[in-house]
PDB file of N, CA and C in Angstrom:
ATOM      1  N   MET A   1      74.886 140.406  40.032  1.00  0.00           N
ATOM      2  CA  MET A   1      74.420 140.138  39.057  1.00  0.00           C
ATOM      3  C   MET A   1      73.127 139.958  38.873  1.00  0.00           C
ATOM      4  N   THR A   2      72.483 139.601  40.092  1.00  0.00           N
ATOM      5  CA  THR A   2      71.402 139.002  40.745  1.00  0.00           C
ATOM      6  C   THR A   2      70.318 139.764  39.837  1.00  0.00           C
ATOM      7  N   GLU A   3      69.946 140.978  40.046  1.00  0.00           N
ATOM      8  CA  GLU A   3      68.875 141.746  39.077  1.00  0.00           C
ATOM      9  C   GLU A   3      68.931 141.038  37.725  1.00  0.00           C
ATOM     10  N   LEU A   4      70.054 141.406  37.198  1.00  0.00           N
ATOM     11  CA  LEU A   4      70.126 140.829  35.677  1.00  0.00           C
ATOM     12  C   LEU A   4      69.721 139.470  35.528  1.00  0.00           C
ATOM     13  N   GLN A   5      69.646 138.647  35.954  1.00  0.00           N
ATOM     14  CA  GLN A   5      69.454 137.287  35.516  1.00  0.00           C
ATOM     15  C   GLN A   5      67.823 137.620  35.583  1.00  0.00           C
ATOM     16  N   ASN A   6      67.024 138.440  36.646  1.00  0.00           N
ATOM     17  CA  ASN A   6      66.126 138.335  36.931  1.00  0.00           C
ATOM     18  C   ASN A   6      65.180 139.196  35.233  1.00  0.00           C
ATOM     19  N   SER A   7      65.749 139.908  34.281  1.00  0.00           N
ATOM     20  CA  SER A   7      65.163 140.646  33.018  1.00  0.00           C
ATOM     21  C   SER A   7      64.882 139.012  32.091  1.00  0.00           C
ATOM     22  N   ILE A   8      63.209 139.782  31.891  1.00  0.00           N
ATOM     23  CA  ILE A   8      63.098 138.494  30.346  1.00  0.00           C
ATOM     24  C   ILE A   8      63.636 138.420  29.848  1.00  0.00           C
ATOM     25  N   LEU A   9      64.843 139.173  28.720  1.00  0.00           N
ATOM     26  CA  LEU A   9      65.586 139.027  27.913  1.00  0.00           C
ATOM     27  C   LEU A   9      67.054 139.063  27.928  1.00  0.00           C
ATOM     28  N   GLN A  10      67.448 137.772  27.621  1.00  0.00           N
ATOM     29  CA  GLN A  10      68.753 137.034  27.707  1.00  0.00           C
ATOM     30  C   GLN A  10      69.401 137.861  26.144  1.00  0.00           C
ATOM     31  N   THR A  11      70.219 137.650  26.243  1.00  0.00           N
ATOM     32  CA  THR A  11      71.556 138.016  25.182  1.00  0.00           C
ATOM     33  C   THR A  11      71.212 136.987  24.097  1.00  0.00           C
ATOM     34  N   LYS A  12      70.783 135.567  24.854  1.00  0.00           N
ATOM     35  CA  LYS A  12      70.704 134.464  23.996  1.00  0.00           C
ATOM     36  C   LYS A  12      69.918 134.085  23.047  1.00  0.00           C
ATOM     37  N   ASP A  13      68.382 134.812  23.945  1.00  0.00           N
ATOM     38  CA  ASP A  13      67.324 134.799  23.266  1.00  0.00           C
ATOM     39  C   ASP A  13      66.376 135.850  22.067  1.00  0.00           C
ATOM     40  N   ILE A  14      67.130 136.634  22.320  1.00  0.00           N
ATOM     41  CA  ILE A  14      67.372 137.723  20.877  1.00  0.00           C
ATOM     42  C   ILE A  14      68.165 137.276  20.369  1.00  0.00           C
ATOM     43  N   LEU A  15      69.034 136.735  20.499  1.00  0.00           N
ATOM     44  CA  LEU A  15      69.949 136.196  18.927  1.00  0.00           C
ATOM     45  C   LEU A  15      68.808 135.147  18.864  1.00  0.00           C
ATOM     46  N   ASP A  16      68.800 133.706  19.137  1.00  0.00           N
ATOM     47  CA  ASP A  16      67.468 132.550  18.939  1.00  0.00           C
ATOM     48  C   ASP A  16      66.808 133.022  18.762  1.00  0.00           C
ATOM     49  N   LYS A  17      65.777 133.832  18.565  1.00  0.00           N
ATOM     50  CA  LYS A  17      64.419 134.418  18.200  1.00  0.00           C
ATOM     51  C   LYS A  17      64.194 134.861  16.903  1.00  0.00           C
ATOM     52  N   GLN A  18      63.367 133.536  16.710  1.00  0.00           N
ATOM     53  CA  GLN A  18      63.087 133.015  15.088  1.00  0.00           C
ATOM     54  C   GLN A  18      61.285 133.887  15.338  1.00  0.00           C
ATOM     55  N   PHE A  19      61.068 134.260  13.847  1.00  0.00           N
ATOM     56  CA  PHE A  19      59.850 135.061  13.562  1.00  0.00           C
ATOM     57  C   PHE A  19      59.114 134.673  12.498  1.00  0.00           C
ATOM     58  N   LYS A  20      57.876 133.843  12.424  1.00  0.00           N
ATOM     59  CA  LYS A  20      57.421 133.435  11.710  1.00  0.00           C
ATOM     60  C   LYS A  20      57.625 134.045  10.349  1.00  0.00           C
ATOM     61  N   THR A  21      57.169 133.443   9.322  1.00  0.00           N
ATOM     62  CA  THR A  21      57.659 134.394   7.927  1.00  0.00           C
ATOM     63  C   THR A  21      55.930 134.538   7.133  1.00  0.00           C
ATOM     64  N   SER A  22      55.212 135.353   6.850  1.00  0.00           N
ATOM     65  CA  SER A  22      54.256 135.376   5.920  1.00  0.00           C
ATOM     66  C   SER A  22      54.437 136.075   4.311  1.00  0.00           C
ATOM     67  N   MET A  23      53.849 135.925   3.389  1.00  0.00           N
ATOM     68  CA  MET A  23      53.656 136.647   2.641  1.00  0.00           C
ATOM     69  C   MET A  23      54.317 137.952   2.108  1.00  0.00           C
ATOM     70  N   ARG A  24      53.671 138.714   3.205  1.00  0.00           N
ATOM     71  CA  ARG A  24      54.090 140.038   2.826  1.00  0.00           C
ATOM     72  C   ARG A  24      54.962 140.421   4.419  1.00  0.00           C
ATOM     73  N   GLY A  25      55.874 139.468   4.974  1.00  0.00           N
ATOM     74  CA  GLY A  25      56.766 139.843   5.726  1.00  0.00           C
ATOM     75  C   GLY A  25      57.009 140.558   5.670  1.00  0.00           C
ATOM     76  N   TYR A  26      58.684 140.511   6.839  1.00  0.00           N
ATOM     77  CA  TYR A  26      59.660 142.007   6.825  1.00  0.00           C
ATOM     78  C   TYR A  26      60.878 141.868   6.044  1.00  0.00           C
ATOM     79  N   ASN A  27      61.705 142.153   5.859  1.00  0.00           N
ATOM     80  CA  ASN A  27      62.699 141.834   5.477  1.00  0.00           C
ATOM     81  C   ASN A  27      63.627 141.055   6.407  1.00  0.00           C
ATOM     82  N   GLN A  28      64.030 139.880   6.214  1.00  0.00           N
ATOM     83  CA  GLN A  28      64.593 138.642   7.271  1.00  0.00           C
ATOM     84  C   GLN A  28      66.001 139.603   7.169  1.00  0.00           C
ATOM     85  N   GLU A  29      67.067 139.730   6.779  1.00  0.00           N
ATOM     86  CA  GLU A  29      68.175 140.769   6.285  1.00  0.00           C
ATOM     87  C   GLU A  29      67.812 141.911   7.560  1.00  0.00           C
ATOM     88  N   GLU A  30      66.985 143.031   7.155  1.00  0.00           N
ATOM     89  CA  GLU A  30      67.037 143.714   7.893  1.00  0.00           C
ATOM     90  C   GLU A  30      66.713 143.470   9.413  1.00  0.00           C
ATOM     91  N   VAL A  31      65.695 143.074   9.387  1.00  0.00           N
ATOM     92  CA  VAL A  31      65.764 142.419  10.763  1.00  0.00           C
ATOM     93  C   VAL A  31      66.543 141.381  11.571  1.00  0.00           C
ATOM     94  N   ASP A  32      67.573 140.642  11.215  1.00  0.00           N
ATOM     95  CA  ASP A  32      68.418 140.125  11.670  1.00  0.00           C
ATOM     96  C   ASP A  32      69.729 141.220  11.828  1.00  0.00           C
ATOM     97  N   GLU A  33      69.537 142.299  10.723  1.00  0.00           N
ATOM     98  CA  GLU A  33      70.593 143.243  10.951  1.00  0.00           C
ATOM     99  C   GLU A  33      70.067 144.333  12.424  1.00  0.00           C
ATOM    100  N   PHE A  34      69.152 144.530  12.872  1.00  0.00           N
ATOM    101  CA  PHE A  34      68.593 145.502  13.751  1.00  0.00           C
ATOM    102  C   PHE A  34      68.679 144.465  15.489  1.00  0.00           C
ATOM    103  N   LEU A  35      68.724 143.507  15.400  1.00  0.00           N
ATOM    104  CA  LEU A  35      68.496 142.183  16.498  1.00  0.00           C
ATOM    105  C   LEU A  35      70.024 142.100  16.501  1.00  0.00           C
ATOM    106  N   ASP A  36      71.409 142.455  15.558  1.00  0.00           N
ATOM    107  CA  ASP A  36      72.784 142.392  16.506  1.00  0.00           C
ATOM    108  C   ASP A  36      72.780 143.210  16.719  1.00  0.00           C
ATOM    109  N   LYS A  37      72.197 145.212  16.880  1.00  0.00           N
ATOM    110  CA  LYS A  37      72.017 146.035  16.672  1.00  0.00           C
ATOM    111  C   LYS A  37      71.746 145.426  18.548  1.00  0.00           C
ATOM    112  N   ILE A  38      70.694 145.342  18.660  1.00  0.00           N
ATOM    113  CA  ILE A  38      69.702 145.375  20.402  1.00  0.00           C
ATOM    114  C   ILE A  38      70.913 144.254  20.773  1.00  0.00           C
ATOM    115  N   ILE A  39      71.279 143.154  20.385  1.00  0.00           N
ATOM    116  CA  ILE A  39      72.189 142.672  21.357  1.00  0.00           C
ATOM    117  C   ILE A  39      73.129 143.147  21.703  1.00  0.00           C
ATOM    118  N   GLN A  40      73.718 144.221  20.189  1.00  0.00           N
ATOM    119  CA  GLN A  40      75.102 144.648  20.996  1.00  0.00           C
ATOM    120  C   GLN A  40      74.918 145.799  22.021  1.00  0.00           C
ATOM    121  N   ASP A  41      74.191 146.283  22.380  1.00  0.00           N
ATOM    122  CA  ASP A  41      73.742 147.828  23.248  1.00  0.00           C
ATOM    123  C   ASP A  41      73.023 146.290  24.579  1.00  0.00           C
ATOM    124  N   TYR A  42      72.977 145.979  24.393  1.00  0.00           N
ATOM    125  CA  TYR A  42      72.548 144.261  25.203  1.00  0.00           C
ATOM    126  C   TYR A  42      73.497 144.342  26.125  1.00  0.00           C
ATOM    127  N   GLU A  43      74.333 143.616  25.274  1.00  0.00           N
ATOM    128  CA  GLU A  43      75.607 143.008  26.283  1.00  0.00           C
ATOM    129  C   GLU A  43      76.063 144.194  26.530  1.00  0.00           C
ATOM    130  N   PHE A  44      76.321 145.170  25.930  1.00  0.00           N
ATOM    131  CA  PHE A  44      77.258 146.256  26.525  1.00  0.00           C
ATOM    132  C   PHE A  44      76.731 147.401  27.651  1.00  0.00           C
ATOM    133  N   PHE A  45      75.128 147.705  27.741  1.00  0.00           N
ATOM    134  CA  PHE A  45      74.251 147.586  29.112  1.00  0.00           C
ATOM    135  C   PHE A  45      74.657 146.603  29.880  1.00  0.00           C
ATOM    136  N   ASN A  46      74.748 145.474  29.938  1.00  0.00           N
ATOM    137  CA  ASN A  46      74.774 144.636  31.627  1.00  0.00           C
ATOM    138  C   ASN A  46      76.227 144.779  31.296  1.00  0.00           C
ATOM    139  N   LYS A  47      77.569 144.980  30.571  1.00  0.00           N
ATOM    140  CA  LYS A  47      78.861 145.126  31.494  1.00  0.00           C
ATOM    141  C   LYS A  47      78.823 146.033  31.609  1.00  0.00           C
ATOM    142  N   LYS A  48      77.946 147.214  31.901  1.00  0.00           N
ATOM    143  CA  LYS A  48      78.030 148.625  32.720  1.00  0.00           C
ATOM    144  C   LYS A  48      77.316 148.406  34.220  1.00  0.00           C
ATOM    145  N   ILE A  49      76.386 147.388  33.904  1.00  0.00           N
ATOM    146  CA  ILE A  49      75.388 147.436  35.084  1.00  0.00           C
ATOM    147  C   ILE A  49      76.073 146.854  35.811  1.00  0.00           C
ATOM    148  N   GLU A  50      77.105 145.737  35.439  1.00  0.00           N
ATOM    149  CA  GLU A  50      78.063 144.865  36.413  1.00  0.00           C
ATOM    150  C   GLU A  50      79.094 145.685  36.709  1.00  0.00           C
ATOM    151  N   GLN A  51      79.363 146.293  36.030  1.00  0.00           N
ATOM    152  CA  GLN A  51      80.577 147.618  36.772  1.00  0.00           C
ATOM    153  C   GLN A  51      80.902 148.586  37.632  1.00  0.00           C
ATOM    154  N   LEU A  52      79.198 148.566  37.262  1.00  0.00           N
ATOM    155  CA  LEU A  52      78.373 150.053  38.212  1.00  0.00           C
ATOM    156  C   LEU A  52      78.348 149.412  39.938  1.00  0.00           C
ATOM    157  N   ALA A  53      77.863 148.277  39.551  1.00  0.00           N
ATOM    158  CA  ALA A  53      77.775 147.253  41.023  1.00  0.00           C
ATOM    159  C   ALA A  53      78.653 146.825  41.292  1.00  0.00           C
ATOM    160  N   GLN A  54      80.225 146.848  41.143  1.00  0.00           N
ATOM    161  CA  GLN A  54      81.350 146.346  41.020  1.00  0.00           C
ATOM    162  C   GLN A  54      82.037 148.094  41.672  1.00  0.00           C
ATOM    163  N   GLU A  55      81.810 149.151  41.055  1.00  0.00           N
ATOM    164  CA  GLU A  55      82.034 149.654  41.697  1.00  0.00           C
ATOM    165  C   GLU A  55      81.347 150.737  43.257  1.00  0.00           C
ATOM    166  N   ASN A  56      80.392 149.936  42.906  1.00  0.00           N
ATOM    167  CA  ASN A  56      78.909 150.229  44.162  1.00  0.00           C
ATOM    168  C   ASN A  56      79.914 149.542  45.202  1.00  0.00           C
ATOM    169  N   GLU A  57      80.293 148.488  45.540  1.00  0.00           N
ATOM    170  CA  GLU A  57      80.380 147.924  46.463  1.00  0.00           C
ATOM    171  C   GLU A  57      82.063 148.048  46.825  1.00  0.00           C
ATOM    172  N   ARG A  58      82.445 148.904  45.707  1.00  0.00           N
ATOM    173  CA  ARG A  58      84.095 149.219  46.198  1.00  0.00           C
ATOM    174  C   ARG A  58      83.896 150.157  46.852  1.00  0.00           C
ATOM    175  N   LEU A  59      83.227 151.518  46.486  1.00  0.00           N
ATOM    176  CA  LEU A  59      82.580 152.127  47.161  1.00  0.00           C
ATOM    177  C   LEU A  59      82.029 152.089  48.496  1.00  0.00           C
ATOM    178  N   LYS A  60      81.098 151.125  48.498  1.00  0.00           N
ATOM    179  CA  LYS A  60      80.984 150.643  50.130  1.00  0.00           C
ATOM    180  C   LYS A  60      81.797 149.947  51.072  1.00  0.00           C
ATOM    181  N   VAL A  61      82.776 149.960  50.275  1.00  0.00           N
ATOM    182  CA  VAL A  61      83.447 149.218  51.277  1.00  0.00           C
ATOM    183  C   VAL A  61      84.503 150.278  51.738  1.00  0.00           C
ATOM    184  N   GLN A  62      84.857 151.246  50.868  1.00  0.00           N
ATOM    185  CA  GLN A  62      86.359 152.278  51.110  1.00  0.00           C
ATOM    186  C   GLN A  62      85.497 153.557  51.760  1.00  0.00           C
ATOM    187  N   LYS A  63      84.095 153.181  52.011  1.00  0.00           N
ATOM    188  CA  LYS A  63      82.982 154.655  52.476  1.00  0.00           C
ATOM    189  C   LYS A  63      82.957 153.749  54.520  1.00  0.00           C
ATOM    190  N   GLU A  64      83.563 152.831  54.368  1.00  0.00           N
ATOM    191  CA  GLU A  64      83.324 151.887  55.953  1.00  0.00           C
ATOM    192  C   GLU A  64      84.620 151.921  56.299  1.00  0.00           C
ATOM    193  N   GLN A  65      85.725 152.066  55.458  1.00  0.00           N
ATOM    194  CA  GLN A  65      86.950 152.039  56.141  1.00  0.00           C
ATOM    195  C   GLN A  65      87.912 153.255  56.690  1.00  0.00           C
ATOM    196  N   PRO A  66      87.497 154.621  55.556  1.00  0.00           N
ATOM    197  CA  PRO A  66      87.846 155.524  56.978  1.00  0.00           C
ATOM    198  C   PRO A  66      87.695 155.719  58.084  1.00  0.00           C
ATOM    199  N   ARG A  67      86.063 155.120  58.384  1.00  0.00           N
ATOM    200  CA  ARG A  67      85.278 155.789  59.355  1.00  0.00           C
ATOM    201  C   ARG A  67      85.888 154.963  60.610  1.00  0.00           C
ATOM    202  N   SER A  68      86.110 153.620  61.240  1.00  0.00           N
ATOM    203  CA  SER A  68      87.154 152.560  61.329  1.00  0.00           C
ATOM    204  C   SER A  68      88.254 153.352  61.933  1.00  0.00           C
ATOM    205  N   ARG A  69      89.213 154.012  61.491  1.00  0.00           N
ATOM    206  CA  ARG A  69      90.191 154.826  61.177  1.00  0.00           C
ATOM    207  C   ARG A  69      90.037 156.208  62.298  1.00  0.00           C
ATOM    208  N   ALA A  70      89.006 156.775  61.421  1.00  0.00           N
ATOM    209  CA  ALA A  70      88.562 157.783  61.787  1.00  0.00           C
ATOM    210  C   ALA A  70      88.114 157.907  63.477  1.00  0.00           C
ATOM    211  N   GLN A  71      87.747 156.956  63.542  1.00  0.00           N
ATOM    212  CA  GLN A  71      87.111 156.427  65.046  1.00  0.00           C
ATOM    213  C   GLN A  71      88.363 156.100  66.508  1.00  0.00           C
ATOM    214  N   THR A  72      89.070 155.982  65.577  1.00  0.00           N
ATOM    215  CA  THR A  72      89.979 155.170  66.469  1.00  0.00           C
ATOM    216  C   THR A  72      90.863 156.339  66.588  1.00  0.00           C
ATOM    217  N   SER A  73      91.016 157.353  65.569  1.00  0.00           N
ATOM    218  CA  SER A  73      91.995 158.681  65.876  1.00  0.00           C
ATOM    219  C   SER A  73      91.509 159.348  66.825  1.00  0.00           C
ATOM    220  N   ASN A  74      89.799 159.189  66.553  1.00  0.00           N
ATOM    221  CA  ASN A  74      89.419 160.122  67.474  1.00  0.00           C
ATOM    222  C   ASN A  74      89.347 159.771  68.498  1.00  0.00           C
ATOM    223  N   HIS A  75      89.826 158.871  69.740  1.00  0.00           N
ATOM    224  CA  HIS A  75      89.537 158.633  70.879  1.00  0.00           C
ATOM    225  C   HIS A  75      90.668 158.871  71.235  1.00  0.00           C
ATOM    226  N   GLN A  76      91.592 158.558  70.574  1.00  0.00           N
ATOM    227  CA  GLN A  76      93.120 159.011  70.910  1.00  0.00           C
ATOM    228  C   GLN A  76      92.952 160.447  70.705  1.00  0.00           C
ATOM    229  N   VAL A  77      92.429 160.909  70.384  1.00  0.00           N
ATOM    230  CA  VAL A  77      92.879 162.506  70.466  1.00  0.00           C
ATOM    231  C   VAL A  77      91.820 162.760  71.623  1.00  0.00           C
ATOM    232  N   ASN A  78      90.944 162.597  71.663  1.00  0.00           N
ATOM    233  CA  ASN A  78      89.931 162.806  73.131  1.00  0.00           C
ATOM    234  C   ASN A  78      90.809 162.124  74.493  1.00  0.00           C
ATOM    235  N   TYR A  79      91.056 160.971  74.230  1.00  0.00           N
ATOM    236  CA  TYR A  79      92.263 160.722  74.997  1.00  0.00           C
ATOM    237  C   TYR A  79      92.853 162.163  75.700  1.00  0.00           C
ATOM    238  N   ASP A  80      94.024 162.361  74.710  1.00  0.00           N
ATOM    239  CA  ASP A  80      94.891 163.048  74.529  1.00  0.00           C
ATOM    240  C   ASP A  80      94.455 164.129  75.795  1.00  0.00           C
ATOM    241  N   ILE A  81      93.312 165.002  74.579  1.00  0.00           N
ATOM    242  CA  ILE A  81      92.667 166.165  75.494  1.00  0.00           C
ATOM    243  C   ILE A  81      92.324 166.019  76.984  1.00  0.00           C
ATOM    244  N   LEU A  82      92.149 164.830  77.243  1.00  0.00           N
ATOM    245  CA  LEU A  82      91.236 164.762  78.566  1.00  0.00           C
ATOM    246  C   LEU A  82      92.452 164.146  79.667  1.00  0.00           C
ATOM    247  N   LYS A  83      93.920 163.882  78.502  1.00  0.00           N
ATOM    248  CA  LYS A  83      95.048 163.553  79.801  1.00  0.00           C
ATOM    249  C   LYS A  83      95.625 165.061  79.781  1.00  0.00           C
ATOM    250  N   ARG A  84      95.705 166.016  79.154  1.00  0.00           N
ATOM    251  CA  ARG A  84      95.995 167.608  79.350  1.00  0.00           C
ATOM    252  C   ARG A  84      95.558 168.190  80.123  1.00  0.00           C
ATOM    253  N   LEU A  85      93.707 168.133  80.434  1.00  0.00           N
ATOM    254  CA  LEU A  85      92.816 169.313  80.551  1.00  0.00           C
ATOM    255  C   LEU A  85      93.623 168.559  82.740  1.00  0.00           C
ATOM    256  N   SER A  86      93.387 167.056  82.625  1.00  0.00           N
ATOM    257  CA  SER A  86      93.993 166.568  83.882  1.00  0.00           C
ATOM    258  C   SER A  86      94.682 167.081  84.881  1.00  0.00           C
ATOM    259  N   ASN A  87      96.157 167.206  83.750  1.00  0.00           N
ATOM    260  CA  ASN A  87      97.603 167.494  84.409  1.00  0.00           C
ATOM    261  C   ASN A  87      97.030 169.329  84.477  1.00  0.00           C
ATOM    262  N   LEU A  88      96.430 170.074  84.039  1.00  0.00           N
ATOM    263  CA  LEU A  88      96.243 171.401  83.751  1.00  0.00           C
ATOM    264  C   LEU A  88      95.487 171.599  85.034  1.00  0.00           C
ATOM    265  N   GLU A  89      94.285 170.841  85.273  1.00  0.00           N
ATOM    266  CA  GLU A  89      93.111 171.169  86.629  1.00  0.00           C
ATOM    267  C   GLU A  89      94.389 170.614  87.836  1.00  0.00           C
ATOM    268  N   LYS A  90      95.190 169.947  87.738  1.00  0.00           N
ATOM    269  CA  LYS A  90      95.840 169.289  88.671  1.00  0.00           C
ATOM    270  C   LYS A  90      96.574 170.975  89.130  1.00  0.00           C
ATOM    271  N   ALA A  91      97.970 171.530  88.139  1.00  0.00           N
ATOM    272  CA  ALA A  91      98.808 171.788  88.268  1.00  0.00           C
ATOM    273  C   ALA A  91      98.257 173.667  88.701  1.00  0.00           C
ATOM    274  N   VAL A  92      97.092 174.033  88.341  1.00  0.00           N
ATOM    275  CA  VAL A  92      96.281 175.092  88.231  1.00  0.00           C
ATOM    276  C   VAL A  92      95.026 174.925  90.002  1.00  0.00           C
ATOM    277  N   PHE A  93      94.171 173.774  90.534  1.00  0.00           N
ATOM    278  CA  PHE A  93      93.564 173.530  91.429  1.00  0.00           C
ATOM    279  C   PHE A  93      94.606 172.928  92.613  1.00  0.00           C
ATOM    280  N   GLY A  94      95.524 171.848  91.805  1.00  0.00           N
ATOM    281  CA  GLY A  94      96.026 171.325  93.223  1.00  0.00           C
ATOM    282  C   GLY A  94      96.122 172.607  93.794  1.00  0.00           C
ATOM    283  N   LYS A  95      97.557 173.541  93.205  1.00  0.00           N
ATOM    284  CA  LYS A  95      98.331 175.054  93.664  1.00  0.00           C
ATOM    285  C   LYS A  95      97.385 175.930  95.162  1.00  0.00           C
ATOM    286  N   LYS A  96      96.955 175.970  94.296  1.00  0.00           N
ATOM    287  CA  LYS A  96      95.129 176.532  95.465  1.00  0.00           C
ATOM    288  C   LYS A  96      94.917 175.644  96.430  1.00  0.00           C
ATOM    289  N   TYR A  97      94.325 174.708  96.399  1.00  0.00           N
ATOM    290  CA  TYR A  97      93.837 173.633  97.877  1.00  0.00           C
ATOM    291  C   TYR A  97      95.331 173.796  98.532  1.00  0.00           C
ATOM    292  N   THR A  98      96.180 173.244  98.266  1.00  0.00           N
ATOM    293  CA  THR A  98      97.545 173.182  98.469  1.00  0.00           C
ATOM    294  C   THR A  98      98.036 174.485  99.684  1.00  0.00           C
ATOM    295  N   ASP A  99      97.889 175.738  98.517  1.00  0.00           N
ATOM    296  CA  ASP A  99      97.972 177.035  99.502  1.00  0.00           C
ATOM    297  C   ASP A  99      97.309 177.252 100.398  1.00  0.00           C
ATOM    298  N   ALA A 100      95.727 176.961 100.061  1.00  0.00           N
ATOM    299  CA  ALA A 100      95.251 177.838 101.549  1.00  0.00           C
ATOM    300  C   ALA A 100      94.892 177.353 102.561  1.00  0.00           C
TER     301      ALA A 100
END
């Protein structure tokens, strides 16, 4: 969540923001209601970003795990194939050389 900590505004900044008032200023209740909506959106998106970051991390780990299993499996298959090939060569070529 380090990227979120680098953002300019935090939820607390929005909540604590005080505006100067003037004679013909904005309706304070309307501004507060709007800021409350902004805070809700801000919190929602922060949570969503954190969820996506966790999911991304989980998928990276998950992606790496099958690779290591697949590599072990491939090595075993390759070994088995080479062993069978060697046995076949001995069976085919070994007899030819002993017959000659």
